């Protein structure tokens, strides 16, 4: 096993996730940061270049539990060493019209699919 440390972040596009990724890139405790999300995060990629850190994006356009679990496994497929998983995925502003089932799909089901994905955490 390698001494490399990797952070994988679900929910990096939100305000809390963005702050977390910025902290991880500036902290130096991790050799690589992997983000899982629906879209690319150009600001995160630019920050990675500016700080000399490695960021990998694993896009999950169809954010369902099965798709997220598969994307998480794919993102970690060739990673050796310690992995720290961070989930800051959740429902943000503008959700007053969402049903409780829609909230649960994100807040519970997606987070559970992510948490079950790798035996290292």
C-alpha atoms as a PDB file:
ATOM      1  CA  UNK A   1       0.000   0.000   0.000  1.00  0.00           C
ATOM      2  CA  UNK A   2       1.162   3.491  -0.839  1.00  0.00           C
ATOM      3  CA  UNK A   3       1.599   6.417   1.545  1.00  0.00           C
ATOM      4  CA  UNK A   4      -0.493   8.561  -0.798  1.00  0.00           C
ATOM      5  CA  UNK A   5      -3.642  10.133   0.601  1.00  0.00           C
ATOM      6  CA  UNK A   6      -6.703  10.866  -1.488  1.00  0.00           C
ATOM      7  CA  UNK A   7      -9.828  12.813  -0.593  1.00  0.00           C
ATOM      8  CA  UNK A   8     -13.067  12.078  -2.437  1.00  0.00           C
ATOM      9  CA  UNK A   9     -15.796  14.702  -2.167  1.00  0.00           C
ATOM     10  CA  UNK A  10     -19.474  14.335  -2.988  1.00  0.00           C
ATOM     11  CA  UNK A  11     -21.258  17.674  -3.217  1.00  0.00           C
ATOM     12  CA  UNK A  12     -18.303  19.857  -4.218  1.00  0.00           C
ATOM     13  CA  UNK A  13     -20.454  22.191  -6.318  1.00  0.00           C
ATOM     14  CA  UNK A  14     -22.337  23.614  -3.339  1.00  0.00           C
ATOM     15  CA  UNK A  15     -21.144  26.366  -1.048  1.00  0.00           C
ATOM     16  CA  UNK A  16     -20.048  24.001   1.725  1.00  0.00           C
ATOM     17  CA  UNK A  17     -18.502  21.570  -0.765  1.00  0.00           C
ATOM     18  CA  UNK A  18     -16.625  24.358  -2.504  1.00  0.00           C
ATOM     19  CA  UNK A  19     -15.210  25.572   0.801  1.00  0.00           C
ATOM     20  CA  UNK A  20     -14.181  22.029   1.678  1.00  0.00           C
ATOM     21  CA  UNK A  21     -12.403  21.485  -1.647  1.00  0.00           C
ATOM     22  CA  UNK A  22     -10.599  24.837  -1.299  1.00  0.00           C
ATOM     23  CA  UNK A  23      -9.438  23.827   2.181  1.00  0.00           C
ATOM     24  CA  UNK A  24      -8.285  20.405   0.958  1.00  0.00           C
ATOM     25  CA  UNK A  25      -6.322  21.938  -1.915  1.00  0.00           C
ATOM     26  CA  UNK A  26      -4.596  24.438   0.351  1.00  0.00           C
ATOM     27  CA  UNK A  27      -4.041  22.072   3.279  1.00  0.00           C
ATOM     28  CA  UNK A  28      -1.480  19.766   1.690  1.00  0.00           C
ATOM     29  CA  UNK A  29      -2.596  16.690   3.634  1.00  0.00           C
ATOM     30  CA  UNK A  30      -3.920  15.032   0.481  1.00  0.00           C
ATOM     31  CA  UNK A  31      -2.027  14.161  -2.681  1.00  0.00           C
ATOM     32  CA  UNK A  32      -5.202  14.159  -4.755  1.00  0.00           C
ATOM     33  CA  UNK A  33      -8.777  15.355  -4.500  1.00  0.00           C
ATOM     34  CA  UNK A  34     -11.530  13.583  -6.440  1.00  0.00           C
ATOM     35  CA  UNK A  35     -14.865  15.305  -6.927  1.00  0.00           C
ATOM     36  CA  UNK A  36     -18.101  13.496  -7.744  1.00  0.00           C
ATOM     37  CA  UNK A  37     -20.806  15.578  -9.344  1.00  0.00           C
ATOM     38  CA  UNK A  38     -23.118  16.197 -12.248  1.00  0.00           C
ATOM     39  CA  UNK A  39     -20.992  18.859 -13.924  1.00  0.00           C
ATOM     40  CA  UNK A  40     -17.404  19.934 -14.248  1.00  0.00           C
ATOM     41  CA  UNK A  41     -16.107  22.519 -11.788  1.00  0.00           C
ATOM     42  CA  UNK A  42     -13.775  24.828 -13.771  1.00  0.00           C
ATOM     43  CA  UNK A  43     -13.009  26.983 -10.719  1.00  0.00           C
ATOM     44  CA  UNK A  44     -11.833  23.916  -8.791  1.00  0.00           C
ATOM     45  CA  UNK A  45      -9.660  22.790 -11.705  1.00  0.00           C
ATOM     46  CA  UNK A  46      -8.131  26.267 -11.964  1.00  0.00           C
ATOM     47  CA  UNK A  47      -7.459  26.327  -8.232  1.00  0.00           C
ATOM     48  CA  UNK A  48      -5.803  22.922  -8.459  1.00  0.00           C
ATOM     49  CA  UNK A  49      -3.497  24.180 -11.199  1.00  0.00           C
ATOM     50  CA  UNK A  50      -2.697  27.306  -9.162  1.00  0.00           C
ATOM     51  CA  UNK A  51      -1.865  25.303  -6.044  1.00  0.00           C
ATOM     52  CA  UNK A  52      -0.011  22.540  -7.894  1.00  0.00           C
ATOM     53  CA  UNK A  53      -2.448  19.921  -6.597  1.00  0.00           C
ATOM     54  CA  UNK A  54      -4.117  17.108  -8.496  1.00  0.00           C
ATOM     55  CA  UNK A  55      -7.895  17.094  -8.888  1.00  0.00           C
ATOM     56  CA  UNK A  56      -9.857  14.458 -10.745  1.00  0.00           C
ATOM     57  CA  UNK A  57     -13.477  14.929 -11.621  1.00  0.00           C
ATOM     58  CA  UNK A  58     -15.772  11.946 -11.850  1.00  0.00           C
ATOM     59  CA  UNK A  59     -18.933  13.134 -13.542  1.00  0.00           C
ATOM     60  CA  UNK A  60     -22.261  11.539 -12.628  1.00  0.00           C
ATOM     61  CA  UNK A  61     -24.817  13.173 -14.945  1.00  0.00           C
ATOM     62  CA  UNK A  62     -27.576  10.763 -13.873  1.00  0.00           C
ATOM     63  CA  UNK A  63     -27.343  11.220 -10.107  1.00  0.00           C
ATOM     64  CA  UNK A  64     -29.111   8.083  -8.933  1.00  0.00           C
ATOM     65  CA  UNK A  65     -27.897   5.766  -6.162  1.00  0.00           C
ATOM     66  CA  UNK A  66     -26.785   3.097  -8.661  1.00  0.00           C
ATOM     67  CA  UNK A  67     -25.016   5.585 -10.935  1.00  0.00           C
ATOM     68  CA  UNK A  68     -23.306   7.261  -7.981  1.00  0.00           C
ATOM     69  CA  UNK A  69     -22.140   3.925  -6.555  1.00  0.00           C
ATOM     70  CA  UNK A  70     -20.716   2.931  -9.945  1.00  0.00           C
ATOM     71  CA  UNK A  71     -19.008   6.324 -10.415  1.00  0.00           C
ATOM     72  CA  UNK A  72     -17.491   6.168  -6.937  1.00  0.00           C
ATOM     73  CA  UNK A  73     -16.081   2.701  -7.614  1.00  0.00           C
ATOM     74  CA  UNK A  74     -14.717   3.882 -10.971  1.00  0.00           C
ATOM     75  CA  UNK A  75     -13.107   6.972  -9.436  1.00  0.00           C
ATOM     76  CA  UNK A  76     -11.325   4.844  -6.838  1.00  0.00           C
ATOM     77  CA  UNK A  77     -10.443   1.949  -9.126  1.00  0.00           C
ATOM     78  CA  UNK A  78      -6.745   2.798  -9.485  1.00  0.00           C
ATOM     79  CA  UNK A  79      -6.241   4.638  -6.201  1.00  0.00           C
ATOM     80  CA  UNK A  80      -3.726   3.128  -3.829  1.00  0.00           C
ATOM     81  CA  UNK A  81      -3.240   4.361  -0.289  1.00  0.00           C
ATOM     82  CA  UNK A  82      -5.538   5.997   2.208  1.00  0.00           C
ATOM     83  CA  UNK A  83      -8.848   7.473   1.094  1.00  0.00           C
ATOM     84  CA  UNK A  84     -10.895   9.948   3.114  1.00  0.00           C
ATOM     85  CA  UNK A  85     -14.485  10.346   1.979  1.00  0.00           C
ATOM     86  CA  UNK A  86     -16.411  13.570   2.493  1.00  0.00           C
ATOM     87  CA  UNK A  87     -20.069  14.013   1.675  1.00  0.00           C
ATOM     88  CA  UNK A  88     -21.507  17.485   1.804  1.00  0.00           C
ATOM     89  CA  UNK A  89     -24.321  16.649  -0.580  1.00  0.00           C
ATOM     90  CA  UNK A  90     -27.660  17.992   0.486  1.00  0.00           C
ATOM     91  CA  UNK A  91     -30.634  20.050  -0.437  1.00  0.00           C
ATOM     92  CA  UNK A  92     -29.908  23.750  -0.665  1.00  0.00           C
ATOM     93  CA  UNK A  93     -31.891  26.901  -1.216  1.00  0.00           C
ATOM     94  CA  UNK A  94     -35.049  26.914  -3.289  1.00  0.00           C
ATOM     95  CA  UNK A  95     -36.402  23.574  -2.140  1.00  0.00           C
ATOM     96  CA  UNK A  96     -39.676  24.670  -0.598  1.00  0.00           C
ATOM     97  CA  UNK A  97     -41.655  22.932  -3.341  1.00  0.00           C
ATOM     98  CA  UNK A  98     -39.857  19.599  -3.070  1.00  0.00           C
ATOM     99  CA  UNK A  99     -41.667  16.616  -1.649  1.00  0.00           C
ATOM    100  CA  UNK A 100     -40.315  14.717   1.333  1.00  0.00           C
ATOM    101  CA  UNK A 101     -39.546  11.828  -1.040  1.00  0.00           C
ATOM    102  CA  UNK A 102     -37.469  14.111  -3.259  1.00  0.00           C
ATOM    103  CA  UNK A 103     -35.549  15.364  -0.218  1.00  0.00           C
ATOM    104  CA  UNK A 104     -34.987  11.800   0.957  1.00  0.00           C
ATOM    105  CA  UNK A 105     -33.686  10.766  -2.465  1.00  0.00           C
ATOM    106  CA  UNK A 106     -30.822  13.241  -2.079  1.00  0.00           C
ATOM    107  CA  UNK A 107     -30.248  13.558   1.653  1.00  0.00           C
ATOM    108  CA  UNK A 108     -30.488   9.849   2.441  1.00  0.00           C
ATOM    109  CA  UNK A 109     -30.367   7.599  -0.605  1.00  0.00           C
ATOM    110  CA  UNK A 110     -27.506   9.272  -2.482  1.00  0.00           C
ATOM    111  CA  UNK A 111     -25.417   9.710   0.653  1.00  0.00           C
ATOM    112  CA  UNK A 112     -25.998   6.064   1.588  1.00  0.00           C
ATOM    113  CA  UNK A 113     -24.951   4.879  -1.887  1.00  0.00           C
ATOM    114  CA  UNK A 114     -21.738   6.899  -1.589  1.00  0.00           C
ATOM    115  CA  UNK A 115     -20.982   5.695   1.944  1.00  0.00           C
ATOM    116  CA  UNK A 116     -21.333   2.008   1.047  1.00  0.00           C
ATOM    117  CA  UNK A 117     -18.991   2.152  -1.906  1.00  0.00           C
ATOM    118  CA  UNK A 118     -15.492   1.517  -0.569  1.00  0.00           C
ATOM    119  CA  UNK A 119     -14.192  -0.637   2.284  1.00  0.00           C
ATOM    120  CA  UNK A 120     -11.432   1.896   3.059  1.00  0.00           C
ATOM    121  CA  UNK A 121     -13.902   4.130   4.893  1.00  0.00           C
END
